[in-house]
PDBML (XML) file of the C-alpha atoms, coordinates in Angstrom:
<?xml version="1.0" encoding="UTF-8" ?>
<PDBx:datablock datablockName="MODEL"
   xmlns:PDBx="http://pdbml.pdb.org/schema/pdbx-v50.xsd"
   xmlns:xsi="http://www.w3.org/2001/XMLSchema-instance"
   xsi:schemaLocation="http://pdbml.pdb.org/schema/pdbx-v50.xsd pdbx-v50.xsd">
   <PDBx:atom_siteCategory>
      <PDBx:atom_site id="1">
         <PDBx:B_iso_or_equiv>0.00</PDBx:B_iso_or_equiv>
         <PDBx:Cartn_x>259.112</PDBx:Cartn_x>
         <PDBx:Cartn_y>78.000</PDBx:Cartn_y>
         <PDBx:Cartn_z>-54.305</PDBx:Cartn_z>
         <PDBx:auth_asym_id>A</PDBx:auth_asym_id>
         <PDBx:auth_atom_id>CA</PDBx:auth_atom_id>
         <PDBx:auth_comp_id>ASP</PDBx:auth_comp_id>
         <PDBx:auth_seq_id>1</PDBx:auth_seq_id>
         <PDBx:group_PDB>ATOM</PDBx:group_PDB>
         <PDBx:label_alt_id xsi:nil="true" />
         <PDBx:label_asym_id>A</PDBx:label_asym_id>
         <PDBx:label_atom_id>CA</PDBx:label_atom_id>
         <PDBx:label_comp_id>ASP</PDBx:label_comp_id>
         <PDBx:label_entity_id>1</PDBx:label_entity_id>
         <PDBx:label_seq_id>1</PDBx:label_seq_id>
         <PDBx:occupancy>1.00</PDBx:occupancy>
         <PDBx:pdbx_PDB_model_num>1</PDBx:pdbx_PDB_model_num>
         <PDBx:type_symbol>C</PDBx:type_symbol>
      </PDBx:atom_site>
      <PDBx:atom_site id="2">
         <PDBx:B_iso_or_equiv>0.00</PDBx:B_iso_or_equiv>
         <PDBx:Cartn_x>259.010</PDBx:Cartn_x>
         <PDBx:Cartn_y>80.601</PDBx:Cartn_y>
         <PDBx:Cartn_z>-57.122</PDBx:Cartn_z>
         <PDBx:auth_asym_id>A</PDBx:auth_asym_id>
         <PDBx:auth_atom_id>CA</PDBx:auth_atom_id>
         <PDBx:auth_comp_id>VAL</PDBx:auth_comp_id>
         <PDBx:auth_seq_id>2</PDBx:auth_seq_id>
         <PDBx:group_PDB>ATOM</PDBx:group_PDB>
         <PDBx:label_alt_id xsi:nil="true" />
         <PDBx:label_asym_id>A</PDBx:label_asym_id>
         <PDBx:label_atom_id>CA</PDBx:label_atom_id>
         <PDBx:label_comp_id>VAL</PDBx:label_comp_id>
         <PDBx:label_entity_id>1</PDBx:label_entity_id>
         <PDBx:label_seq_id>2</PDBx:label_seq_id>
         <PDBx:occupancy>1.00</PDBx:occupancy>
         <PDBx:pdbx_PDB_model_num>1</PDBx:pdbx_PDB_model_num>
         <PDBx:type_symbol>C</PDBx:type_symbol>
      </PDBx:atom_site>
      <PDBx:atom_site id="3">
         <PDBx:B_iso_or_equiv>0.00</PDBx:B_iso_or_equiv>
         <PDBx:Cartn_x>262.234</PDBx:Cartn_x>
         <PDBx:Cartn_y>80.885</PDBx:Cartn_y>
         <PDBx:Cartn_z>-57.145</PDBx:Cartn_z>
         <PDBx:auth_asym_id>A</PDBx:auth_asym_id>
         <PDBx:auth_atom_id>CA</PDBx:auth_atom_id>
         <PDBx:auth_comp_id>PRO</PDBx:auth_comp_id>
         <PDBx:auth_seq_id>3</PDBx:auth_seq_id>
         <PDBx:group_PDB>ATOM</PDBx:group_PDB>
         <PDBx:label_alt_id xsi:nil="true" />
         <PDBx:label_asym_id>A</PDBx:label_asym_id>
         <PDBx:label_atom_id>CA</PDBx:label_atom_id>
         <PDBx:label_comp_id>PRO</PDBx:label_comp_id>
         <PDBx:label_entity_id>1</PDBx:label_entity_id>
         <PDBx:label_seq_id>3</PDBx:label_seq_id>
         <PDBx:occupancy>1.00</PDBx:occupancy>
         <PDBx:pdbx_PDB_model_num>1</PDBx:pdbx_PDB_model_num>
         <PDBx:type_symbol>C</PDBx:type_symbol>
      </PDBx:atom_site>
      <PDBx:atom_site id="4">
         <PDBx:B_iso_or_equiv>0.00</PDBx:B_iso_or_equiv>
         <PDBx:Cartn_x>262.829</PDBx:Cartn_x>
         <PDBx:Cartn_y>84.615</PDBx:Cartn_y>
         <PDBx:Cartn_z>-56.630</PDBx:Cartn_z>
         <PDBx:auth_asym_id>A</PDBx:auth_asym_id>
         <PDBx:auth_atom_id>CA</PDBx:auth_atom_id>
         <PDBx:auth_comp_id>SER</PDBx:auth_comp_id>
         <PDBx:auth_seq_id>4</PDBx:auth_seq_id>
         <PDBx:group_PDB>ATOM</PDBx:group_PDB>
         <PDBx:label_alt_id xsi:nil="true" />
         <PDBx:label_asym_id>A</PDBx:label_asym_id>
         <PDBx:label_atom_id>CA</PDBx:label_atom_id>
         <PDBx:label_comp_id>SER</PDBx:label_comp_id>
         <PDBx:label_entity_id>1</PDBx:label_entity_id>
         <PDBx:label_seq_id>4</PDBx:label_seq_id>
         <PDBx:occupancy>1.00</PDBx:occupancy>
         <PDBx:pdbx_PDB_model_num>1</PDBx:pdbx_PDB_model_num>
         <PDBx:type_symbol>C</PDBx:type_symbol>
      </PDBx:atom_site>
      <PDBx:atom_site id="5">
         <PDBx:B_iso_or_equiv>0.00</PDBx:B_iso_or_equiv>
         <PDBx:Cartn_x>264.946</PDBx:Cartn_x>
         <PDBx:Cartn_y>87.137</PDBx:Cartn_y>
         <PDBx:Cartn_z>-54.776</PDBx:Cartn_z>
         <PDBx:auth_asym_id>A</PDBx:auth_asym_id>
         <PDBx:auth_atom_id>CA</PDBx:auth_atom_id>
         <PDBx:auth_comp_id>LEU</PDBx:auth_comp_id>
         <PDBx:auth_seq_id>5</PDBx:auth_seq_id>
         <PDBx:group_PDB>ATOM</PDBx:group_PDB>
         <PDBx:label_alt_id xsi:nil="true" />
         <PDBx:label_asym_id>A</PDBx:label_asym_id>
         <PDBx:label_atom_id>CA</PDBx:label_atom_id>
         <PDBx:label_comp_id>LEU</PDBx:label_comp_id>
         <PDBx:label_entity_id>1</PDBx:label_entity_id>
         <PDBx:label_seq_id>5</PDBx:label_seq_id>
         <PDBx:occupancy>1.00</PDBx:occupancy>
         <PDBx:pdbx_PDB_model_num>1</PDBx:pdbx_PDB_model_num>
         <PDBx:type_symbol>C</PDBx:type_symbol>
      </PDBx:atom_site>
      <PDBx:atom_site id="6">
         <PDBx:B_iso_or_equiv>0.00</PDBx:B_iso_or_equiv>
         <PDBx:Cartn_x>264.013</PDBx:Cartn_x>
         <PDBx:Cartn_y>90.612</PDBx:Cartn_y>
         <PDBx:Cartn_z>-53.559</PDBx:Cartn_z>
         <PDBx:auth_asym_id>A</PDBx:auth_asym_id>
         <PDBx:auth_atom_id>CA</PDBx:auth_atom_id>
         <PDBx:auth_comp_id>ILE</PDBx:auth_comp_id>
         <PDBx:auth_seq_id>6</PDBx:auth_seq_id>
         <PDBx:group_PDB>ATOM</PDBx:group_PDB>
         <PDBx:label_alt_id xsi:nil="true" />
         <PDBx:label_asym_id>A</PDBx:label_asym_id>
         <PDBx:label_atom_id>CA</PDBx:label_atom_id>
         <PDBx:label_comp_id>ILE</PDBx:label_comp_id>
         <PDBx:label_entity_id>1</PDBx:label_entity_id>
         <PDBx:label_seq_id>6</PDBx:label_seq_id>
         <PDBx:occupancy>1.00</PDBx:occupancy>
         <PDBx:pdbx_PDB_model_num>1</PDBx:pdbx_PDB_model_num>
         <PDBx:type_symbol>C</PDBx:type_symbol>
      </PDBx:atom_site>
      <PDBx:atom_site id="7">
         <PDBx:B_iso_or_equiv>0.00</PDBx:B_iso_or_equiv>
         <PDBx:Cartn_x>266.834</PDBx:Cartn_x>
         <PDBx:Cartn_y>92.869</PDBx:Cartn_y>
         <PDBx:Cartn_z>-52.353</PDBx:Cartn_z>
         <PDBx:auth_asym_id>A</PDBx:auth_asym_id>
         <PDBx:auth_atom_id>CA</PDBx:auth_atom_id>
         <PDBx:auth_comp_id>ALA</PDBx:auth_comp_id>
         <PDBx:auth_seq_id>7</PDBx:auth_seq_id>
         <PDBx:group_PDB>ATOM</PDBx:group_PDB>
         <PDBx:label_alt_id xsi:nil="true" />
         <PDBx:label_asym_id>A</PDBx:label_asym_id>
         <PDBx:label_atom_id>CA</PDBx:label_atom_id>
         <PDBx:label_comp_id>ALA</PDBx:label_comp_id>
         <PDBx:label_entity_id>1</PDBx:label_entity_id>
         <PDBx:label_seq_id>7</PDBx:label_seq_id>
         <PDBx:occupancy>1.00</PDBx:occupancy>
         <PDBx:pdbx_PDB_model_num>1</PDBx:pdbx_PDB_model_num>
         <PDBx:type_symbol>C</PDBx:type_symbol>
      </PDBx:atom_site>
      <PDBx:atom_site id="8">
         <PDBx:B_iso_or_equiv>0.00</PDBx:B_iso_or_equiv>
         <PDBx:Cartn_x>266.580</PDBx:Cartn_x>
         <PDBx:Cartn_y>96.055</PDBx:Cartn_y>
         <PDBx:Cartn_z>-50.348</PDBx:Cartn_z>
         <PDBx:auth_asym_id>A</PDBx:auth_asym_id>
         <PDBx:auth_atom_id>CA</PDBx:auth_atom_id>
         <PDBx:auth_comp_id>TRP</PDBx:auth_comp_id>
         <PDBx:auth_seq_id>8</PDBx:auth_seq_id>
         <PDBx:group_PDB>ATOM</PDBx:group_PDB>
         <PDBx:label_alt_id xsi:nil="true" />
         <PDBx:label_asym_id>A</PDBx:label_asym_id>
         <PDBx:label_atom_id>CA</PDBx:label_atom_id>
         <PDBx:label_comp_id>TRP</PDBx:label_comp_id>
         <PDBx:label_entity_id>1</PDBx:label_entity_id>
         <PDBx:label_seq_id>8</PDBx:label_seq_id>
         <PDBx:occupancy>1.00</PDBx:occupancy>
         <PDBx:pdbx_PDB_model_num>1</PDBx:pdbx_PDB_model_num>
         <PDBx:type_symbol>C</PDBx:type_symbol>
      </PDBx:atom_site>
      <PDBx:atom_site id="9">
         <PDBx:B_iso_or_equiv>0.00</PDBx:B_iso_or_equiv>
         <PDBx:Cartn_x>269.291</PDBx:Cartn_x>
         <PDBx:Cartn_y>98.544</PDBx:Cartn_y>
         <PDBx:Cartn_z>-49.405</PDBx:Cartn_z>
         <PDBx:auth_asym_id>A</PDBx:auth_asym_id>
         <PDBx:auth_atom_id>CA</PDBx:auth_atom_id>
         <PDBx:auth_comp_id>GLU</PDBx:auth_comp_id>
         <PDBx:auth_seq_id>9</PDBx:auth_seq_id>
         <PDBx:group_PDB>ATOM</PDBx:group_PDB>
         <PDBx:label_alt_id xsi:nil="true" />
         <PDBx:label_asym_id>A</PDBx:label_asym_id>
         <PDBx:label_atom_id>CA</PDBx:label_atom_id>
         <PDBx:label_comp_id>GLU</PDBx:label_comp_id>
         <PDBx:label_entity_id>1</PDBx:label_entity_id>
         <PDBx:label_seq_id>9</PDBx:label_seq_id>
         <PDBx:occupancy>1.00</PDBx:occupancy>
         <PDBx:pdbx_PDB_model_num>1</PDBx:pdbx_PDB_model_num>
         <PDBx:type_symbol>C</PDBx:type_symbol>
      </PDBx:atom_site>
      <PDBx:atom_site id="10">
         <PDBx:B_iso_or_equiv>0.00</PDBx:B_iso_or_equiv>
         <PDBx:Cartn_x>269.184</PDBx:Cartn_x>
         <PDBx:Cartn_y>101.127</PDBx:Cartn_y>
         <PDBx:Cartn_z>-46.679</PDBx:Cartn_z>
         <PDBx:auth_asym_id>A</PDBx:auth_asym_id>
         <PDBx:auth_atom_id>CA</PDBx:auth_atom_id>
         <PDBx:auth_comp_id>LEU</PDBx:auth_comp_id>
         <PDBx:auth_seq_id>10</PDBx:auth_seq_id>
         <PDBx:group_PDB>ATOM</PDBx:group_PDB>
         <PDBx:label_alt_id xsi:nil="true" />
         <PDBx:label_asym_id>A</PDBx:label_asym_id>
         <PDBx:label_atom_id>CA</PDBx:label_atom_id>
         <PDBx:label_comp_id>LEU</PDBx:label_comp_id>
         <PDBx:label_entity_id>1</PDBx:label_entity_id>
         <PDBx:label_seq_id>10</PDBx:label_seq_id>
         <PDBx:occupancy>1.00</PDBx:occupancy>
         <PDBx:pdbx_PDB_model_num>1</PDBx:pdbx_PDB_model_num>
         <PDBx:type_symbol>C</PDBx:type_symbol>
      </PDBx:atom_site>
      <PDBx:atom_site id="11">
         <PDBx:B_iso_or_equiv>0.00</PDBx:B_iso_or_equiv>
         <PDBx:Cartn_x>268.677</PDBx:Cartn_x>
         <PDBx:Cartn_y>104.663</PDBx:Cartn_y>
         <PDBx:Cartn_z>-48.000</PDBx:Cartn_z>
         <PDBx:auth_asym_id>A</PDBx:auth_asym_id>
         <PDBx:auth_atom_id>CA</PDBx:auth_atom_id>
         <PDBx:auth_comp_id>ARG</PDBx:auth_comp_id>
         <PDBx:auth_seq_id>11</PDBx:auth_seq_id>
         <PDBx:group_PDB>ATOM</PDBx:group_PDB>
         <PDBx:label_alt_id xsi:nil="true" />
         <PDBx:label_asym_id>A</PDBx:label_asym_id>
         <PDBx:label_atom_id>CA</PDBx:label_atom_id>
         <PDBx:label_comp_id>ARG</PDBx:label_comp_id>
         <PDBx:label_entity_id>1</PDBx:label_entity_id>
         <PDBx:label_seq_id>11</PDBx:label_seq_id>
         <PDBx:occupancy>1.00</PDBx:occupancy>
         <PDBx:pdbx_PDB_model_num>1</PDBx:pdbx_PDB_model_num>
         <PDBx:type_symbol>C</PDBx:type_symbol>
      </PDBx:atom_site>
      <PDBx:atom_site id="12">
         <PDBx:B_iso_or_equiv>0.00</PDBx:B_iso_or_equiv>
         <PDBx:Cartn_x>268.073</PDBx:Cartn_x>
         <PDBx:Cartn_y>107.560</PDBx:Cartn_y>
         <PDBx:Cartn_z>-45.615</PDBx:Cartn_z>
         <PDBx:auth_asym_id>A</PDBx:auth_asym_id>
         <PDBx:auth_atom_id>CA</PDBx:auth_atom_id>
         <PDBx:auth_comp_id>ASP</PDBx:auth_comp_id>
         <PDBx:auth_seq_id>12</PDBx:auth_seq_id>
         <PDBx:group_PDB>ATOM</PDBx:group_PDB>
         <PDBx:label_alt_id xsi:nil="true" />
         <PDBx:label_asym_id>A</PDBx:label_asym_id>
         <PDBx:label_atom_id>CA</PDBx:label_atom_id>
         <PDBx:label_comp_id>ASP</PDBx:label_comp_id>
         <PDBx:label_entity_id>1</PDBx:label_entity_id>
         <PDBx:label_seq_id>12</PDBx:label_seq_id>
         <PDBx:occupancy>1.00</PDBx:occupancy>
         <PDBx:pdbx_PDB_model_num>1</PDBx:pdbx_PDB_model_num>
         <PDBx:type_symbol>C</PDBx:type_symbol>
      </PDBx:atom_site>
      <PDBx:atom_site id="13">
         <PDBx:B_iso_or_equiv>0.00</PDBx:B_iso_or_equiv>
         <PDBx:Cartn_x>267.117</PDBx:Cartn_x>
         <PDBx:Cartn_y>105.193</PDBx:Cartn_y>
         <PDBx:Cartn_z>-42.796</PDBx:Cartn_z>
         <PDBx:auth_asym_id>A</PDBx:auth_asym_id>
         <PDBx:auth_atom_id>CA</PDBx:auth_atom_id>
         <PDBx:auth_comp_id>GLY</PDBx:auth_comp_id>
         <PDBx:auth_seq_id>13</PDBx:auth_seq_id>
         <PDBx:group_PDB>ATOM</PDBx:group_PDB>
         <PDBx:label_alt_id xsi:nil="true" />
         <PDBx:label_asym_id>A</PDBx:label_asym_id>
         <PDBx:label_atom_id>CA</PDBx:label_atom_id>
         <PDBx:label_comp_id>GLY</PDBx:label_comp_id>
         <PDBx:label_entity_id>1</PDBx:label_entity_id>
         <PDBx:label_seq_id>13</PDBx:label_seq_id>
         <PDBx:occupancy>1.00</PDBx:occupancy>
         <PDBx:pdbx_PDB_model_num>1</PDBx:pdbx_PDB_model_num>
         <PDBx:type_symbol>C</PDBx:type_symbol>
      </PDBx:atom_site>
      <PDBx:atom_site id="14">
         <PDBx:B_iso_or_equiv>0.00</PDBx:B_iso_or_equiv>
         <PDBx:Cartn_x>264.596</PDBx:Cartn_x>
         <PDBx:Cartn_y>103.125</PDBx:Cartn_y>
         <PDBx:Cartn_z>-44.788</PDBx:Cartn_z>
         <PDBx:auth_asym_id>A</PDBx:auth_asym_id>
         <PDBx:auth_atom_id>CA</PDBx:auth_atom_id>
         <PDBx:auth_comp_id>ALA</PDBx:auth_comp_id>
         <PDBx:auth_seq_id>14</PDBx:auth_seq_id>
         <PDBx:group_PDB>ATOM</PDBx:group_PDB>
         <PDBx:label_alt_id xsi:nil="true" />
         <PDBx:label_asym_id>A</PDBx:label_asym_id>
         <PDBx:label_atom_id>CA</PDBx:label_atom_id>
         <PDBx:label_comp_id>ALA</PDBx:label_comp_id>
         <PDBx:label_entity_id>1</PDBx:label_entity_id>
         <PDBx:label_seq_id>14</PDBx:label_seq_id>
         <PDBx:occupancy>1.00</PDBx:occupancy>
         <PDBx:pdbx_PDB_model_num>1</PDBx:pdbx_PDB_model_num>
         <PDBx:type_symbol>C</PDBx:type_symbol>
      </PDBx:atom_site>
      <PDBx:atom_site id="15">
         <PDBx:B_iso_or_equiv>0.00</PDBx:B_iso_or_equiv>
         <PDBx:Cartn_x>264.856</PDBx:Cartn_x>
         <PDBx:Cartn_y>100.166</PDBx:Cartn_y>
         <PDBx:Cartn_z>-47.131</PDBx:Cartn_z>
         <PDBx:auth_asym_id>A</PDBx:auth_asym_id>
         <PDBx:auth_atom_id>CA</PDBx:auth_atom_id>
         <PDBx:auth_comp_id>TYR</PDBx:auth_comp_id>
         <PDBx:auth_seq_id>15</PDBx:auth_seq_id>
         <PDBx:group_PDB>ATOM</PDBx:group_PDB>
         <PDBx:label_alt_id xsi:nil="true" />
         <PDBx:label_asym_id>A</PDBx:label_asym_id>
         <PDBx:label_atom_id>CA</PDBx:label_atom_id>
         <PDBx:label_comp_id>TYR</PDBx:label_comp_id>
         <PDBx:label_entity_id>1</PDBx:label_entity_id>
         <PDBx:label_seq_id>15</PDBx:label_seq_id>
         <PDBx:occupancy>1.00</PDBx:occupancy>
         <PDBx:pdbx_PDB_model_num>1</PDBx:pdbx_PDB_model_num>
         <PDBx:type_symbol>C</PDBx:type_symbol>
      </PDBx:atom_site>
      <PDBx:atom_site id="16">
         <PDBx:B_iso_or_equiv>0.00</PDBx:B_iso_or_equiv>
         <PDBx:Cartn_x>264.516</PDBx:Cartn_x>
         <PDBx:Cartn_y>100.836</PDBx:Cartn_y>
         <PDBx:Cartn_z>-50.840</PDBx:Cartn_z>
         <PDBx:auth_asym_id>A</PDBx:auth_asym_id>
         <PDBx:auth_atom_id>CA</PDBx:auth_atom_id>
         <PDBx:auth_comp_id>ALA</PDBx:auth_comp_id>
         <PDBx:auth_seq_id>16</PDBx:auth_seq_id>
         <PDBx:group_PDB>ATOM</PDBx:group_PDB>
         <PDBx:label_alt_id xsi:nil="true" />
         <PDBx:label_asym_id>A</PDBx:label_asym_id>
         <PDBx:label_atom_id>CA</PDBx:label_atom_id>
         <PDBx:label_comp_id>ALA</PDBx:label_comp_id>
         <PDBx:label_entity_id>1</PDBx:label_entity_id>
         <PDBx:label_seq_id>16</PDBx:label_seq_id>
         <PDBx:occupancy>1.00</PDBx:occupancy>
         <PDBx:pdbx_PDB_model_num>1</PDBx:pdbx_PDB_model_num>
         <PDBx:type_symbol>C</PDBx:type_symbol>
      </PDBx:atom_site>
      <PDBx:atom_site id="17">
         <PDBx:B_iso_or_equiv>0.00</PDBx:B_iso_or_equiv>
         <PDBx:Cartn_x>264.001</PDBx:Cartn_x>
         <PDBx:Cartn_y>97.885</PDBx:Cartn_y>
         <PDBx:Cartn_z>-53.165</PDBx:Cartn_z>
         <PDBx:auth_asym_id>A</PDBx:auth_asym_id>
         <PDBx:auth_atom_id>CA</PDBx:auth_atom_id>
         <PDBx:auth_comp_id>GLN</PDBx:auth_comp_id>
         <PDBx:auth_seq_id>17</PDBx:auth_seq_id>
         <PDBx:group_PDB>ATOM</PDBx:group_PDB>
         <PDBx:label_alt_id xsi:nil="true" />
         <PDBx:label_asym_id>A</PDBx:label_asym_id>
         <PDBx:label_atom_id>CA</PDBx:label_atom_id>
         <PDBx:label_comp_id>GLN</PDBx:label_comp_id>
         <PDBx:label_entity_id>1</PDBx:label_entity_id>
         <PDBx:label_seq_id>17</PDBx:label_seq_id>
         <PDBx:occupancy>1.00</PDBx:occupancy>
         <PDBx:pdbx_PDB_model_num>1</PDBx:pdbx_PDB_model_num>
         <PDBx:type_symbol>C</PDBx:type_symbol>
      </PDBx:atom_site>
      <PDBx:atom_site id="18">
         <PDBx:B_iso_or_equiv>0.00</PDBx:B_iso_or_equiv>
         <PDBx:Cartn_x>267.014</PDBx:Cartn_x>
         <PDBx:Cartn_y>97.584</PDBx:Cartn_y>
         <PDBx:Cartn_z>-55.482</PDBx:Cartn_z>
         <PDBx:auth_asym_id>A</PDBx:auth_asym_id>
         <PDBx:auth_atom_id>CA</PDBx:auth_atom_id>
         <PDBx:auth_comp_id>VAL</PDBx:auth_comp_id>
         <PDBx:auth_seq_id>18</PDBx:auth_seq_id>
         <PDBx:group_PDB>ATOM</PDBx:group_PDB>
         <PDBx:label_alt_id xsi:nil="true" />
         <PDBx:label_asym_id>A</PDBx:label_asym_id>
         <PDBx:label_atom_id>CA</PDBx:label_atom_id>
         <PDBx:label_comp_id>VAL</PDBx:label_comp_id>
         <PDBx:label_entity_id>1</PDBx:label_entity_id>
         <PDBx:label_seq_id>18</PDBx:label_seq_id>
         <PDBx:occupancy>1.00</PDBx:occupancy>
         <PDBx:pdbx_PDB_model_num>1</PDBx:pdbx_PDB_model_num>
         <PDBx:type_symbol>C</PDBx:type_symbol>
      </PDBx:atom_site>
      <PDBx:atom_site id="19">
         <PDBx:B_iso_or_equiv>0.00</PDBx:B_iso_or_equiv>
         <PDBx:Cartn_x>266.197</PDBx:Cartn_x>
         <PDBx:Cartn_y>94.294</PDBx:Cartn_y>
         <PDBx:Cartn_z>-57.202</PDBx:Cartn_z>
         <PDBx:auth_asym_id>A</PDBx:auth_asym_id>
         <PDBx:auth_atom_id>CA</PDBx:auth_atom_id>
         <PDBx:auth_comp_id>ALA</PDBx:auth_comp_id>
         <PDBx:auth_seq_id>19</PDBx:auth_seq_id>
         <PDBx:group_PDB>ATOM</PDBx:group_PDB>
         <PDBx:label_alt_id xsi:nil="true" />
         <PDBx:label_asym_id>A</PDBx:label_asym_id>
         <PDBx:label_atom_id>CA</PDBx:label_atom_id>
         <PDBx:label_comp_id>ALA</PDBx:label_comp_id>
         <PDBx:label_entity_id>1</PDBx:label_entity_id>
         <PDBx:label_seq_id>19</PDBx:label_seq_id>
         <PDBx:occupancy>1.00</PDBx:occupancy>
         <PDBx:pdbx_PDB_model_num>1</PDBx:pdbx_PDB_model_num>
         <PDBx:type_symbol>C</PDBx:type_symbol>
      </PDBx:atom_site>
      <PDBx:atom_site id="20">
         <PDBx:B_iso_or_equiv>0.00</PDBx:B_iso_or_equiv>
         <PDBx:Cartn_x>263.507</PDBx:Cartn_x>
         <PDBx:Cartn_y>91.719</PDBx:Cartn_y>
         <PDBx:Cartn_z>-57.806</PDBx:Cartn_z>
         <PDBx:auth_asym_id>A</PDBx:auth_asym_id>
         <PDBx:auth_atom_id>CA</PDBx:auth_atom_id>
         <PDBx:auth_comp_id>MET</PDBx:auth_comp_id>
         <PDBx:auth_seq_id>20</PDBx:auth_seq_id>
         <PDBx:group_PDB>ATOM</PDBx:group_PDB>
         <PDBx:label_alt_id xsi:nil="true" />
         <PDBx:label_asym_id>A</PDBx:label_asym_id>
         <PDBx:label_atom_id>CA</PDBx:label_atom_id>
         <PDBx:label_comp_id>MET</PDBx:label_comp_id>
         <PDBx:label_entity_id>1</PDBx:label_entity_id>
         <PDBx:label_seq_id>20</PDBx:label_seq_id>
         <PDBx:occupancy>1.00</PDBx:occupancy>
         <PDBx:pdbx_PDB_model_num>1</PDBx:pdbx_PDB_model_num>
         <PDBx:type_symbol>C</PDBx:type_symbol>
      </PDBx:atom_site>
      <PDBx:atom_site id="21">
         <PDBx:B_iso_or_equiv>0.00</PDBx:B_iso_or_equiv>
         <PDBx:Cartn_x>264.627</PDBx:Cartn_x>
         <PDBx:Cartn_y>88.786</PDBx:Cartn_y>
         <PDBx:Cartn_z>-59.915</PDBx:Cartn_z>
         <PDBx:auth_asym_id>A</PDBx:auth_asym_id>
         <PDBx:auth_atom_id>CA</PDBx:auth_atom_id>
         <PDBx:auth_comp_id>VAL</PDBx:auth_comp_id>
         <PDBx:auth_seq_id>21</PDBx:auth_seq_id>
         <PDBx:group_PDB>ATOM</PDBx:group_PDB>
         <PDBx:label_alt_id xsi:nil="true" />
         <PDBx:label_asym_id>A</PDBx:label_asym_id>
         <PDBx:label_atom_id>CA</PDBx:label_atom_id>
         <PDBx:label_comp_id>VAL</PDBx:label_comp_id>
         <PDBx:label_entity_id>1</PDBx:label_entity_id>
         <PDBx:label_seq_id>21</PDBx:label_seq_id>
         <PDBx:occupancy>1.00</PDBx:occupancy>
         <PDBx:pdbx_PDB_model_num>1</PDBx:pdbx_PDB_model_num>
         <PDBx:type_symbol>C</PDBx:type_symbol>
      </PDBx:atom_site>
      <PDBx:atom_site id="22">
         <PDBx:B_iso_or_equiv>0.00</PDBx:B_iso_or_equiv>
         <PDBx:Cartn_x>263.036</PDBx:Cartn_x>
         <PDBx:Cartn_y>85.432</PDBx:Cartn_y>
         <PDBx:Cartn_z>-60.678</PDBx:Cartn_z>
         <PDBx:auth_asym_id>A</PDBx:auth_asym_id>
         <PDBx:auth_atom_id>CA</PDBx:auth_atom_id>
         <PDBx:auth_comp_id>THR</PDBx:auth_comp_id>
         <PDBx:auth_seq_id>22</PDBx:auth_seq_id>
         <PDBx:group_PDB>ATOM</PDBx:group_PDB>
         <PDBx:label_alt_id xsi:nil="true" />
         <PDBx:label_asym_id>A</PDBx:label_asym_id>
         <PDBx:label_atom_id>CA</PDBx:label_atom_id>
         <PDBx:label_comp_id>THR</PDBx:label_comp_id>
         <PDBx:label_entity_id>1</PDBx:label_entity_id>
         <PDBx:label_seq_id>22</PDBx:label_seq_id>
         <PDBx:occupancy>1.00</PDBx:occupancy>
         <PDBx:pdbx_PDB_model_num>1</PDBx:pdbx_PDB_model_num>
         <PDBx:type_symbol>C</PDBx:type_symbol>
      </PDBx:atom_site>
      <PDBx:atom_site id="23">
         <PDBx:B_iso_or_equiv>0.00</PDBx:B_iso_or_equiv>
         <PDBx:Cartn_x>264.183</PDBx:Cartn_x>
         <PDBx:Cartn_y>82.134</PDBx:Cartn_y>
         <PDBx:Cartn_z>-62.147</PDBx:Cartn_z>
         <PDBx:auth_asym_id>A</PDBx:auth_asym_id>
         <PDBx:auth_atom_id>CA</PDBx:auth_atom_id>
         <PDBx:auth_comp_id>GLY</PDBx:auth_comp_id>
         <PDBx:auth_seq_id>23</PDBx:auth_seq_id>
         <PDBx:group_PDB>ATOM</PDBx:group_PDB>
         <PDBx:label_alt_id xsi:nil="true" />
         <PDBx:label_asym_id>A</PDBx:label_asym_id>
         <PDBx:label_atom_id>CA</PDBx:label_atom_id>
         <PDBx:label_comp_id>GLY</PDBx:label_comp_id>
         <PDBx:label_entity_id>1</PDBx:label_entity_id>
         <PDBx:label_seq_id>23</PDBx:label_seq_id>
         <PDBx:occupancy>1.00</PDBx:occupancy>
         <PDBx:pdbx_PDB_model_num>1</PDBx:pdbx_PDB_model_num>
         <PDBx:type_symbol>C</PDBx:type_symbol>
      </PDBx:atom_site>
      <PDBx:atom_site id="24">
         <PDBx:B_iso_or_equiv>0.00</PDBx:B_iso_or_equiv>
         <PDBx:Cartn_x>267.400</PDBx:Cartn_x>
         <PDBx:Cartn_y>82.394</PDBx:Cartn_y>
         <PDBx:Cartn_z>-64.128</PDBx:Cartn_z>
         <PDBx:auth_asym_id>A</PDBx:auth_asym_id>
         <PDBx:auth_atom_id>CA</PDBx:auth_atom_id>
         <PDBx:auth_comp_id>ASP</PDBx:auth_comp_id>
         <PDBx:auth_seq_id>24</PDBx:auth_seq_id>
         <PDBx:group_PDB>ATOM</PDBx:group_PDB>
         <PDBx:label_alt_id xsi:nil="true" />
         <PDBx:label_asym_id>A</PDBx:label_asym_id>
         <PDBx:label_atom_id>CA</PDBx:label_atom_id>
         <PDBx:label_comp_id>ASP</PDBx:label_comp_id>
         <PDBx:label_entity_id>1</PDBx:label_entity_id>
         <PDBx:label_seq_id>24</PDBx:label_seq_id>
         <PDBx:occupancy>1.00</PDBx:occupancy>
         <PDBx:pdbx_PDB_model_num>1</PDBx:pdbx_PDB_model_num>
         <PDBx:type_symbol>C</PDBx:type_symbol>
      </PDBx:atom_site>
   </PDBx:atom_siteCategory>
</PDBx:datablock>
């Protein structure tokens, strides 16, 4: 609906956000 994407990667057993992008 926004459109957007949030990405997390596992670091030391927990997710760390590596990206948050919207639109183009």
